[in-house]
Amino acid sequence: MARFLHQNYSGYLVPTNADIPELHVIFAGAFDEEASRLGAKGLGELTAVSVAPAIADAALHATGKRVRDLPITIEKLL
């Protein structure tokens, strides 16, 4: 079960861009003119796939109500 460690956010550390290590861009495969004007494909959306389920799981632990469709609204949690 989740619980708060602090009474407020005064000591809460929020990650910033300075906390992210240096990223190296690697181009793999051939030029694809259908992907974009630059011919490159991105993986940004693929890496963000787990965000919505993580938020839904946090809502479950906070409220006890499982929401299986987006968007997660107050009405669905009540």
Protein backbone atom coordinates (compact mmCIF):
# COMPACT_ATOMS: atom_id res chain seq x y z
CA MET A 1 0.00 0.00 0.00
CA ALA A 2 1.29 3.45 -0.88
CA ARG A 3 1.79 6.14 1.74
CA PHE A 4 3.20 9.63 1.96
CA LEU A 5 6.73 9.98 3.31
CA HIS A 6 6.53 13.75 3.89
CA GLN A 7 3.85 16.17 5.06
CA ASN A 8 4.42 18.50 2.08
CA TYR A 9 6.44 18.88 -1.11
CA SER A 10 9.12 21.18 0.33
CA GLY A 11 11.71 18.40 0.41
CA TYR A 12 10.47 16.57 -2.70
CA LEU A 13 13.11 16.30 -5.43
CA VAL A 14 11.78 16.82 -8.94
CA PRO A 15 13.98 15.48 -11.76
CA THR A 16 15.00 18.07 -14.35
CA ASN A 17 16.81 18.04 -17.69
CA ALA A 18 20.13 18.32 -15.82
CA ASP A 19 19.43 14.91 -14.24
CA ILE A 20 19.19 13.15 -17.60
CA PRO A 21 22.45 11.68 -18.87
CA GLU A 22 23.78 12.63 -22.29
CA LEU A 23 21.81 11.02 -25.10
CA HIS A 24 23.39 9.61 -28.21
CA VAL A 25 21.35 9.57 -31.41
CA ILE A 26 21.82 6.49 -33.52
CA PHE A 27 20.42 6.29 -37.03
CA ALA A 28 19.50 2.74 -37.93
CA GLY A 29 18.18 1.48 -41.23
CA ALA A 30 17.75 3.28 -44.50
CA PHE A 31 16.27 6.63 -45.44
CA ASP A 32 12.44 6.44 -45.38
CA GLU A 33 10.80 9.31 -47.23
CA GLU A 34 7.35 8.25 -46.00
CA ALA A 35 8.34 8.53 -42.31
CA SER A 36 9.02 12.27 -42.29
CA ARG A 37 10.57 15.03 -44.34
CA LEU A 38 13.95 14.12 -42.84
CA GLY A 39 13.43 10.43 -43.51
CA ALA A 40 13.85 9.55 -39.84
CA LYS A 41 11.58 7.61 -37.52
CA GLY A 42 11.32 8.39 -33.81
CA LEU A 43 10.91 6.10 -30.81
CA GLY A 44 9.52 8.73 -28.43
CA GLU A 45 5.96 7.48 -28.46
CA LEU A 46 7.01 3.85 -28.07
CA THR A 47 8.88 4.60 -24.88
CA ALA A 48 5.89 6.46 -23.38
CA VAL A 49 3.52 3.48 -23.71
CA SER A 50 3.72 2.60 -20.01
CA VAL A 51 2.75 6.06 -18.72
CA ALA A 52 -1.06 5.66 -18.85
CA PRO A 53 -1.07 2.22 -17.16
CA ALA A 54 1.22 3.57 -14.42
CA ILE A 55 -1.16 6.46 -13.75
CA ALA A 56 -4.14 4.08 -13.76
CA ASP A 57 -2.33 1.83 -11.28
CA ALA A 58 -1.60 4.82 -9.03
CA ALA A 59 -5.28 5.78 -9.18
CA LEU A 60 -6.21 2.20 -8.23
CA HIS A 61 -3.92 2.25 -5.20
CA ALA A 62 -5.18 5.70 -4.16
CA THR A 63 -8.92 5.06 -4.60
CA GLY A 64 -9.40 1.30 -4.78
CA LYS A 65 -11.21 1.69 -8.13
CA ARG A 66 -9.78 0.17 -11.33
CA VAL A 67 -10.28 2.33 -14.45
CA ARG A 68 -9.65 0.46 -17.70
CA ASP A 69 -10.33 3.18 -20.27
CA LEU A 70 -8.98 6.67 -20.85
CA PRO A 71 -9.32 9.41 -19.89
CA ILE A 72 -9.36 8.75 -16.16
CA THR A 73 -11.94 11.15 -14.75
CA ILE A 74 -13.36 11.87 -11.31
CA GLU A 75 -16.68 10.38 -12.40
CA LYS A 76 -15.02 7.05 -13.25
CA LEU A 77 -13.27 6.96 -9.88
CA LEU A 78 -16.39 7.67 -7.82
